[in-house]
PDB file of N, CA and C in Angstrom:
ATOM      1  N   UNK A   1     -29.311  -4.558  61.058  1.00  0.00           N
ATOM      2  CA  UNK A   1     -28.149  -4.051  60.586  1.00  0.00           C
ATOM      3  C   UNK A   1     -27.500  -4.432  59.401  1.00  0.00           C
ATOM      4  N   UNK A   2     -27.424  -3.448  58.541  1.00  0.00           N
ATOM      5  CA  UNK A   2     -27.034  -2.640  57.130  1.00  0.00           C
ATOM      6  C   UNK A   2     -25.274  -2.917  57.116  1.00  0.00           C
ATOM      7  N   UNK A   3     -24.875  -4.356  55.863  1.00  0.00           N
ATOM      8  CA  UNK A   3     -22.812  -4.251  56.539  1.00  0.00           C
ATOM      9  C   UNK A   3     -22.884  -3.352  55.038  1.00  0.00           C
ATOM     10  N   UNK A   4     -21.505  -2.275  55.494  1.00  0.00           N
ATOM     11  CA  UNK A   4     -21.143  -1.844  53.660  1.00  0.00           C
ATOM     12  C   UNK A   4     -20.142  -2.515  53.457  1.00  0.00           C
ATOM     13  N   UNK A   5     -19.931  -2.926  54.107  1.00  0.00           N
ATOM     14  CA  UNK A   5     -19.590  -4.521  52.393  1.00  0.00           C
ATOM     15  C   UNK A   5     -20.121  -5.645  51.798  1.00  0.00           C
ATOM     16  N   UNK A   6     -21.563  -5.183  52.369  1.00  0.00           N
ATOM     17  CA  UNK A   6     -22.132  -6.565  51.125  1.00  0.00           C
ATOM     18  C   UNK A   6     -21.767  -6.022  50.067  1.00  0.00           C
ATOM     19  N   UNK A   7     -22.572  -4.443  49.717  1.00  0.00           N
ATOM     20  CA  UNK A   7     -21.900  -4.276  47.678  1.00  0.00           C
ATOM     21  C   UNK A   7     -20.483  -4.840  47.126  1.00  0.00           C
ATOM     22  N   UNK A   8     -19.764  -5.477  47.961  1.00  0.00           N
ATOM     23  CA  UNK A   8     -18.633  -5.849  47.595  1.00  0.00           C
ATOM     24  C   UNK A   8     -18.389  -7.473  46.058  1.00  0.00           C
ATOM     25  N   UNK A   9     -19.679  -8.038  46.614  1.00  0.00           N
ATOM     26  CA  UNK A   9     -19.772  -8.764  45.920  1.00  0.00           C
ATOM     27  C   UNK A   9     -20.905  -8.789  44.272  1.00  0.00           C
ATOM     28  N   UNK A  10     -21.287  -8.025  44.453  1.00  0.00           N
ATOM     29  CA  UNK A  10     -22.344  -7.139  43.590  1.00  0.00           C
ATOM     30  C   UNK A  10     -21.010  -6.617  42.499  1.00  0.00           C
ATOM     31  N   UNK A  11     -19.695  -5.633  43.025  1.00  0.00           N
ATOM     32  CA  UNK A  11     -18.783  -5.011  41.807  1.00  0.00           C
ATOM     33  C   UNK A  11     -17.954  -5.855  41.624  1.00  0.00           C
ATOM     34  N   UNK A  12     -17.996  -7.033  42.607  1.00  0.00           N
ATOM     35  CA  UNK A  12     -16.602  -8.129  42.344  1.00  0.00           C
ATOM     36  C   UNK A  12     -17.804  -8.984  41.073  1.00  0.00           C
ATOM     37  N   UNK A  13     -18.902  -8.778  40.716  1.00  0.00           N
ATOM     38  CA  UNK A  13     -19.147  -9.344  40.004  1.00  0.00           C
ATOM     39  C   UNK A  13     -19.587  -9.028  38.776  1.00  0.00           C
ATOM     40  N   UNK A  14     -19.605  -7.844  38.677  1.00  0.00           N
ATOM     41  CA  UNK A  14     -19.776  -6.911  38.037  1.00  0.00           C
ATOM     42  C   UNK A  14     -18.486  -6.701  37.177  1.00  0.00           C
ATOM     43  N   UNK A  15     -17.510  -6.408  37.772  1.00  0.00           N
ATOM     44  CA  UNK A  15     -16.284  -6.715  37.047  1.00  0.00           C
ATOM     45  C   UNK A  15     -15.520  -7.983  36.524  1.00  0.00           C
ATOM     46  N   UNK A  16     -16.253  -8.755  37.202  1.00  0.00           N
ATOM     47  CA  UNK A  16     -15.880 -10.085  36.040  1.00  0.00           C
ATOM     48  C   UNK A  16     -16.671 -10.234  34.908  1.00  0.00           C
ATOM     49  N   UNK A  17     -18.195 -10.165  34.925  1.00  0.00           N
ATOM     50  CA  UNK A  17     -18.725  -9.356  34.185  1.00  0.00           C
ATOM     51  C   UNK A  17     -18.230  -8.622  32.214  1.00  0.00           C
ATOM     52  N   UNK A  18     -17.191  -7.947  32.970  1.00  0.00           N
ATOM     53  CA  UNK A  18     -17.110  -7.158  32.091  1.00  0.00           C
ATOM     54  C   UNK A  18     -15.621  -7.721  31.597  1.00  0.00           C
ATOM     55  N   UNK A  19     -14.927  -7.784  32.682  1.00  0.00           N
ATOM     56  CA  UNK A  19     -13.629  -8.625  31.596  1.00  0.00           C
ATOM     57  C   UNK A  19     -13.219  -9.477  30.320  1.00  0.00           C
ATOM     58  N   UNK A  20     -14.956 -10.405  31.109  1.00  0.00           N
ATOM     59  CA  UNK A  20     -15.155 -11.582  29.850  1.00  0.00           C
ATOM     60  C   UNK A  20     -16.459 -11.171  29.166  1.00  0.00           C
ATOM     61  N   UNK A  21     -16.583  -9.611  28.964  1.00  0.00           N
ATOM     62  CA  UNK A  21     -16.852  -8.591  27.865  1.00  0.00           C
ATOM     63  C   UNK A  21     -16.367  -8.650  27.047  1.00  0.00           C
ATOM     64  N   UNK A  22     -15.013  -7.793  27.877  1.00  0.00           N
ATOM     65  CA  UNK A  22     -14.307  -7.450  27.158  1.00  0.00           C
ATOM     66  C   UNK A  22     -13.163  -8.160  26.057  1.00  0.00           C
ATOM     67  N   UNK A  23     -13.040  -9.212  26.559  1.00  0.00           N
ATOM     68  CA  UNK A  23     -12.095 -10.359  26.360  1.00  0.00           C
ATOM     69  C   UNK A  23     -13.141 -10.981  24.619  1.00  0.00           C
ATOM     70  N   UNK A  24     -14.584 -11.158  25.060  1.00  0.00           N
ATOM     71  CA  UNK A  24     -14.962 -11.311  24.004  1.00  0.00           C
ATOM     72  C   UNK A  24     -14.970 -10.297  22.572  1.00  0.00           C
ATOM     73  N   UNK A  25     -14.653  -9.508  22.949  1.00  0.00           N
ATOM     74  CA  UNK A  25     -14.938  -8.038  22.270  1.00  0.00           C
ATOM     75  C   UNK A  25     -13.559  -8.076  21.157  1.00  0.00           C
ATOM     76  N   UNK A  26     -12.542  -7.976  22.440  1.00  0.00           N
ATOM     77  CA  UNK A  26     -11.368  -8.263  21.381  1.00  0.00           C
ATOM     78  C   UNK A  26     -11.055  -9.447  21.003  1.00  0.00           C
ATOM     79  N   UNK A  27     -12.215 -10.348  20.494  1.00  0.00           N
ATOM     80  CA  UNK A  27     -12.028 -11.522  19.435  1.00  0.00           C
ATOM     81  C   UNK A  27     -12.459 -11.412  18.536  1.00  0.00           C
ATOM     82  N   UNK A  28     -13.130 -10.807  18.487  1.00  0.00           N
ATOM     83  CA  UNK A  28     -14.525  -9.643  17.235  1.00  0.00           C
ATOM     84  C   UNK A  28     -13.521  -9.385  15.548  1.00  0.00           C
ATOM     85  N   UNK A  29     -13.413  -9.599  15.237  1.00  0.00           N
ATOM     86  CA  UNK A  29     -12.799  -8.866  13.479  1.00  0.00           C
ATOM     87  C   UNK A  29     -13.173  -8.108  12.503  1.00  0.00           C
ATOM     88  N   UNK A  30     -12.645  -7.605  12.125  1.00  0.00           N
ATOM     89  CA  UNK A  30     -13.418  -6.617  10.956  1.00  0.00           C
ATOM     90  C   UNK A  30     -13.009  -6.162   9.765  1.00  0.00           C
ATOM     91  N   UNK A  31     -12.339  -7.081   8.640  1.00  0.00           N
ATOM     92  CA  UNK A  31     -11.745  -6.943   7.926  1.00  0.00           C
ATOM     93  C   UNK A  31     -12.613  -6.202   6.201  1.00  0.00           C
ATOM     94  N   UNK A  32     -11.597  -5.024   5.991  1.00  0.00           N
ATOM     95  CA  UNK A  32     -11.937  -4.066   4.902  1.00  0.00           C
ATOM     96  C   UNK A  32     -11.012  -3.872   3.628  1.00  0.00           C
ATOM     97  N   UNK A  33     -11.599  -4.463   2.891  1.00  0.00           N
ATOM     98  CA  UNK A  33     -10.583  -4.176   1.519  1.00  0.00           C
ATOM     99  C   UNK A  33     -11.521  -2.869   0.859  1.00  0.00           C
ATOM    100  N   UNK A  34     -10.253  -2.072   0.412  1.00  0.00           N
ATOM    101  CA  UNK A  34     -10.774  -0.691  -0.792  1.00  0.00           C
ATOM    102  C   UNK A  34      -9.211  -0.484  -1.265  1.00  0.00           C
ATOM    103  N   UNK A  35      -9.420  -0.056  -2.218  1.00  0.00           N
ATOM    104  CA  UNK A  35      -8.371   0.525  -3.202  1.00  0.00           C
ATOM    105  C   UNK A  35      -7.422  -0.994  -3.147  1.00  0.00           C
ATOM    106  N   UNK A  36      -7.662  -2.087  -3.607  1.00  0.00           N
ATOM    107  CA  UNK A  36      -5.648  -2.699  -3.455  1.00  0.00           C
ATOM    108  C   UNK A  36      -5.771  -2.410  -1.806  1.00  0.00           C
ATOM    109  N   UNK A  37      -6.297  -1.676  -0.765  1.00  0.00           N
ATOM    110  CA  UNK A  37      -5.633  -1.882   1.310  1.00  0.00           C
ATOM    111  C   UNK A  37      -6.670  -3.065   1.772  1.00  0.00           C
ATOM    112  N   UNK A  38      -6.382  -3.913   2.375  1.00  0.00           N
ATOM    113  CA  UNK A  38      -6.914  -4.996   3.716  1.00  0.00           C
ATOM    114  C   UNK A  38      -6.394  -4.493   4.747  1.00  0.00           C
ATOM    115  N   UNK A  39      -7.508  -4.274   5.530  1.00  0.00           N
ATOM    116  CA  UNK A  39      -6.833  -3.625   6.923  1.00  0.00           C
ATOM    117  C   UNK A  39      -8.091  -4.581   8.004  1.00  0.00           C
ATOM    118  N   UNK A  40      -7.714  -5.569   8.738  1.00  0.00           N
ATOM    119  CA  UNK A  40      -8.221  -6.247   9.348  1.00  0.00           C
ATOM    120  C   UNK A  40      -7.998  -5.863  11.152  1.00  0.00           C
ATOM    121  N   UNK A  41      -8.869  -5.146  11.857  1.00  0.00           N
ATOM    122  CA  UNK A  41      -8.624  -4.709  13.247  1.00  0.00           C
ATOM    123  C   UNK A  41     -10.014  -5.724  14.319  1.00  0.00           C
ATOM    124  N   UNK A  42      -9.192  -5.771  15.717  1.00  0.00           N
ATOM    125  CA  UNK A  42      -9.923  -6.181  16.532  1.00  0.00           C
ATOM    126  C   UNK A  42     -11.010  -5.822  16.949  1.00  0.00           C
ATOM    127  N   UNK A  43     -11.385  -5.525  17.622  1.00  0.00           N
ATOM    128  CA  UNK A  43     -12.801  -4.970  18.211  1.00  0.00           C
ATOM    129  C   UNK A  43     -12.114  -4.438  20.109  1.00  0.00           C
ATOM    130  N   UNK A  44     -11.004  -4.698  20.044  1.00  0.00           N
ATOM    131  CA  UNK A  44     -10.794  -4.015  20.894  1.00  0.00           C
ATOM    132  C   UNK A  44     -10.429  -2.654  20.459  1.00  0.00           C
ATOM    133  N   UNK A  45      -9.758  -2.408  18.789  1.00  0.00           N
ATOM    134  CA  UNK A  45      -9.249  -0.856  18.240  1.00  0.00           C
ATOM    135  C   UNK A  45      -7.655  -1.357  18.246  1.00  0.00           C
ATOM    136  N   UNK A  46      -7.764  -2.897  17.519  1.00  0.00           N
ATOM    137  CA  UNK A  46      -5.929  -2.774  17.137  1.00  0.00           C
ATOM    138  C   UNK A  46      -6.341  -3.399  15.973  1.00  0.00           C
ATOM    139  N   UNK A  47      -4.934  -2.639  15.402  1.00  0.00           N
ATOM    140  CA  UNK A  47      -4.709  -3.442  13.936  1.00  0.00           C
ATOM    141  C   UNK A  47      -4.070  -4.324  13.689  1.00  0.00           C
ATOM    142  N   UNK A  48      -4.774  -5.651  13.530  1.00  0.00           N
ATOM    143  CA  UNK A  48      -4.298  -6.906  13.088  1.00  0.00           C
ATOM    144  C   UNK A  48      -3.566  -6.975  12.193  1.00  0.00           C
ATOM    145  N   UNK A  49      -3.436  -6.025  10.970  1.00  0.00           N
ATOM    146  CA  UNK A  49      -2.919  -6.874   9.549  1.00  0.00           C
ATOM    147  C   UNK A  49      -3.509  -5.695   8.847  1.00  0.00           C
ATOM    148  N   UNK A  50      -2.369  -4.530   7.858  1.00  0.00           N
ATOM    149  CA  UNK A  50      -2.788  -4.652   7.034  1.00  0.00           C
ATOM    150  C   UNK A  50      -1.812  -4.623   5.848  1.00  0.00           C
ATOM    151  N   UNK A  51      -2.754  -5.294   5.251  1.00  0.00           N
ATOM    152  CA  UNK A  51      -1.595  -5.812   3.325  1.00  0.00           C
ATOM    153  C   UNK A  51      -2.169  -4.743   2.199  1.00  0.00           C
ATOM    154  N   UNK A  52      -0.982  -4.275   1.261  1.00  0.00           N
ATOM    155  CA  UNK A  52      -1.603  -3.428   0.444  1.00  0.00           C
ATOM    156  C   UNK A  52      -0.912  -3.972  -0.804  1.00  0.00           C
ATOM    157  N   UNK A  53      -2.013  -4.729  -2.008  1.00  0.00           N
ATOM    158  CA  UNK A  53      -2.165  -4.582  -2.883  1.00  0.00           C
ATOM    159  C   UNK A  53      -1.272  -5.922  -2.826  1.00  0.00           C
ATOM    160  N   UNK A  54      -1.354  -7.237  -1.320  1.00  0.00           N
ATOM    161  CA  UNK A  54      -1.563  -8.550  -1.470  1.00  0.00           C
ATOM    162  C   UNK A  54      -0.046  -8.606  -0.422  1.00  0.00           C
ATOM    163  N   UNK A  55       0.805  -7.611  -0.343  1.00  0.00           N
ATOM    164  CA  UNK A  55       2.165  -7.520   0.527  1.00  0.00           C
ATOM    165  C   UNK A  55       1.634  -7.232   1.241  1.00  0.00           C
ATOM    166  N   UNK A  56       2.044  -8.157   2.802  1.00  0.00           N
ATOM    167  CA  UNK A  56       1.455  -7.473   4.368  1.00  0.00           C
ATOM    168  C   UNK A  56       3.286  -5.553   4.543  1.00  0.00           C
ATOM    169  N   UNK A  57       2.329  -5.024   5.382  1.00  0.00           N
ATOM    170  CA  UNK A  57       3.277  -3.876   5.474  1.00  0.00           C
ATOM    171  C   UNK A  57       3.477  -4.550   7.013  1.00  0.00           C
ATOM    172  N   UNK A  58       4.088  -4.364   8.423  1.00  0.00           N
ATOM    173  CA  UNK A  58       3.819  -4.523   9.893  1.00  0.00           C
ATOM    174  C   UNK A  58       3.839  -3.578   9.772  1.00  0.00           C
ATOM    175  N   UNK A  59       5.342  -2.550   9.300  1.00  0.00           N
ATOM    176  CA  UNK A  59       6.205  -1.013   9.826  1.00  0.00           C
ATOM    177  C   UNK A  59       4.199  -0.489   9.867  1.00  0.00           C
ATOM    178  N   UNK A  60       3.836  -0.577   9.337  1.00  0.00           N
ATOM    179  CA  UNK A  60       3.034   0.531   9.200  1.00  0.00           C
ATOM    180  C   UNK A  60       1.724   0.044  10.304  1.00  0.00           C
ATOM    181  N   UNK A  61       1.226  -0.824  10.686  1.00  0.00           N
ATOM    182  CA  UNK A  61       0.783  -1.358  11.365  1.00  0.00           C
ATOM    183  C   UNK A  61       0.987  -1.426  13.050  1.00  0.00           C
ATOM    184  N   UNK A  62       2.915  -1.059  12.831  1.00  0.00           N
ATOM    185  CA  UNK A  62       2.952  -1.208  14.436  1.00  0.00           C
ATOM    186  C   UNK A  62       3.056   0.819  14.503  1.00  0.00           C
ATOM    187  N   UNK A  63       3.140   1.056  13.357  1.00  0.00           N
ATOM    188  CA  UNK A  63       3.090   2.832  13.487  1.00  0.00           C
ATOM    189  C   UNK A  63       1.415   3.726  13.814  1.00  0.00           C
ATOM    190  N   UNK A  64       0.391   2.438  13.794  1.00  0.00           N
ATOM    191  CA  UNK A  64      -1.018   2.864  13.882  1.00  0.00           C
ATOM    192  C   UNK A  64      -1.582   2.828  15.152  1.00  0.00           C
ATOM    193  N   UNK A  65      -1.419   1.297  14.966  1.00  0.00           N
ATOM    194  CA  UNK A  65      -1.712   1.058  16.911  1.00  0.00           C
ATOM    195  C   UNK A  65      -0.712   1.886  18.159  1.00  0.00           C
ATOM    196  N   UNK A  66       0.774   1.821  17.815  1.00  0.00           N
ATOM    197  CA  UNK A  66       1.358   3.012  18.798  1.00  0.00           C
ATOM    198  C   UNK A  66       0.665   4.319  18.743  1.00  0.00           C
ATOM    199  N   UNK A  67      -0.078   4.858  17.475  1.00  0.00           N
ATOM    200  CA  UNK A  67      -0.848   6.286  17.796  1.00  0.00           C
ATOM    201  C   UNK A  67      -1.863   5.833  18.253  1.00  0.00           C
ATOM    202  N   UNK A  68      -3.126   4.735  17.956  1.00  0.00           N
ATOM    203  CA  UNK A  68      -4.080   5.058  18.292  1.00  0.00           C
ATOM    204  C   UNK A  68      -3.441   4.220  20.492  1.00  0.00           C
ATOM    205  N   UNK A  69      -2.638   3.812  20.659  1.00  0.00           N
ATOM    206  CA  UNK A  69      -2.572   3.749  21.785  1.00  0.00           C
ATOM    207  C   UNK A  69      -1.714   5.196  22.600  1.00  0.00           C
ATOM    208  N   UNK A  70      -1.185   6.199  22.180  1.00  0.00           N
ATOM    209  CA  UNK A  70      -0.725   6.920  23.095  1.00  0.00           C
ATOM    210  C   UNK A  70      -2.896   8.532  22.617  1.00  0.00           C
ATOM    211  N   UNK A  71      -3.183   7.924  20.965  1.00  0.00           N
ATOM    212  CA  UNK A  71      -4.513   8.811  21.994  1.00  0.00           C
ATOM    213  C   UNK A  71      -5.413   8.235  23.060  1.00  0.00           C
ATOM    214  N   UNK A  72      -5.558   6.946  23.107  1.00  0.00           N
ATOM    215  CA  UNK A  72      -6.174   6.721  24.533  1.00  0.00           C
ATOM    216  C   UNK A  72      -5.804   6.398  25.903  1.00  0.00           C
ATOM    217  N   UNK A  73      -4.518   6.821  26.169  1.00  0.00           N
ATOM    218  CA  UNK A  73      -3.783   7.033  27.146  1.00  0.00           C
ATOM    219  C   UNK A  73      -3.527   8.579  27.091  1.00  0.00           C
ATOM    220  N   UNK A  74      -4.142   9.401  26.696  1.00  0.00           N
ATOM    221  CA  UNK A  74      -3.925  10.886  26.610  1.00  0.00           C
ATOM    222  C   UNK A  74      -5.934  11.168  26.815  1.00  0.00           C
ATOM    223  N   UNK A  75      -6.031  10.396  26.402  1.00  0.00           N
ATOM    224  CA  UNK A  75      -7.941  10.356  26.673  1.00  0.00           C
ATOM    225  C   UNK A  75      -7.999  10.631  28.395  1.00  0.00           C
ATOM    226  N   UNK A  76      -7.277   9.129  28.878  1.00  0.00           N
ATOM    227  CA  UNK A  76      -7.312   8.634  29.735  1.00  0.00           C
ATOM    228  C   UNK A  76      -7.049   9.923  30.694  1.00  0.00           C
ATOM    229  N   UNK A  77      -5.875  10.591  30.457  1.00  0.00           N
ATOM    230  CA  UNK A  77      -5.076  12.066  30.945  1.00  0.00           C
ATOM    231  C   UNK A  77      -6.450  11.915  31.097  1.00  0.00           C
ATOM    232  N   UNK A  78      -6.507  12.669  30.287  1.00  0.00           N
ATOM    233  CA  UNK A  78      -7.274  13.968  30.322  1.00  0.00           C
ATOM    234  C   UNK A  78      -9.188  13.567  30.614  1.00  0.00           C
ATOM    235  N   UNK A  79      -9.664  13.246  31.205  1.00  0.00           N
ATOM    236  CA  UNK A  79     -10.122  11.922  31.923  1.00  0.00           C
ATOM    237  C   UNK A  79     -10.165  12.058  33.066  1.00  0.00           C
ATOM    238  N   UNK A  80      -9.161  12.079  33.642  1.00  0.00           N
ATOM    239  CA  UNK A  80      -8.548  12.337  35.402  1.00  0.00           C
ATOM    240  C   UNK A  80      -8.712  13.638  35.424  1.00  0.00           C
ATOM    241  N   UNK A  81      -8.139  14.058  34.563  1.00  0.00           N
ATOM    242  CA  UNK A  81      -7.850  15.780  35.131  1.00  0.00           C
ATOM    243  C   UNK A  81      -9.378  15.451  35.758  1.00  0.00           C
ATOM    244  N   UNK A  82     -10.445  15.510  34.615  1.00  0.00           N
ATOM    245  CA  UNK A  82     -11.543  16.434  34.602  1.00  0.00           C
ATOM    246  C   UNK A  82     -11.915  15.204  35.432  1.00  0.00           C
ATOM    247  N   UNK A  83     -11.905  14.731  36.675  1.00  0.00           N
ATOM    248  CA  UNK A  83     -12.294  14.632  37.935  1.00  0.00           C
ATOM    249  C   UNK A  83     -12.476  13.481  37.605  1.00  0.00           C
ATOM    250  N   UNK A  84     -12.003  12.396  36.563  1.00  0.00           N
ATOM    251  CA  UNK A  84     -12.494  10.942  36.139  1.00  0.00           C
ATOM    252  C   UNK A  84     -13.926  10.690  35.610  1.00  0.00           C
ATOM    253  N   UNK A  85     -14.803   9.871  35.536  1.00  0.00           N
ATOM    254  CA  UNK A  85     -15.656   9.434  34.900  1.00  0.00           C
ATOM    255  C   UNK A  85     -17.064  10.547  36.219  1.00  0.00           C
ATOM    256  N   UNK A  86     -16.588   9.976  37.437  1.00  0.00           N
ATOM    257  CA  UNK A  86     -17.187  11.340  38.082  1.00  0.00           C
ATOM    258  C   UNK A  86     -17.346  12.923  37.756  1.00  0.00           C
ATOM    259  N   UNK A  87     -16.777  12.901  37.301  1.00  0.00           N
ATOM    260  CA  UNK A  87     -17.209  14.600  37.025  1.00  0.00           C
ATOM    261  C   UNK A  87     -17.228  14.533  35.929  1.00  0.00           C
ATOM    262  N   UNK A  88     -17.531  13.259  35.276  1.00  0.00           N
ATOM    263  CA  UNK A  88     -19.421  14.296  33.859  1.00  0.00           C
ATOM    264  C   UNK A  88     -20.233  13.447  34.578  1.00  0.00           C
ATOM    265  N   UNK A  89     -20.739  13.996  35.234  1.00  0.00           N
ATOM    266  CA  UNK A  89     -21.979  13.135  35.767  1.00  0.00           C
ATOM    267  C   UNK A  89     -22.897  14.126  35.791  1.00  0.00           C
ATOM    268  N   UNK A  90     -22.447  15.915  35.679  1.00  0.00           N
ATOM    269  CA  UNK A  90     -23.781  17.088  35.735  1.00  0.00           C
ATOM    270  C   UNK A  90     -23.341  16.383  34.264  1.00  0.00           C
ATOM    271  N   UNK A  91     -22.712  16.180  32.934  1.00  0.00           N
ATOM    272  CA  UNK A  91     -23.640  15.875  31.498  1.00  0.00           C
ATOM    273  C   UNK A  91     -24.125  15.351  31.551  1.00  0.00           C
ATOM    274  N   UNK A  92     -24.381  13.991  32.397  1.00  0.00           N
ATOM    275  CA  UNK A  92     -25.434  13.155  32.519  1.00  0.00           C
ATOM    276  C   UNK A  92     -26.720  13.146  32.724  1.00  0.00           C
ATOM    277  N   UNK A  93     -26.936  14.620  33.995  1.00  0.00           N
ATOM    278  CA  UNK A  93     -27.841  14.499  34.036  1.00  0.00           C
ATOM    279  C   UNK A  93     -28.213  13.518  35.933  1.00  0.00           C
ATOM    280  N   UNK A  94     -26.815  13.414  35.968  1.00  0.00           N
ATOM    281  CA  UNK A  94     -26.976  12.918  37.582  1.00  0.00           C
ATOM    282  C   UNK A  94     -26.436  13.793  38.461  1.00  0.00           C
TER     283      UNK A  94
END
């Protein structure tokens, strides 16, 4: 007999691996310096710091992070309205 719950272990393992990968990505940081401005971003698309001519400006960092968060929420809402990732199956050739 085929146990319908047998795939749950595989799914749990995939979720655990995805969470581990996400934590590793969050640890990554990229720093770019251009025209007297230095920006450091984390792998999960958050601005860690902004320095302009040697001066830190947390107000700009907070505003950018808020804008990024809202844009991600809007994108997630749009994907849900389209039927979630399953709704994209036709576009992906599935």
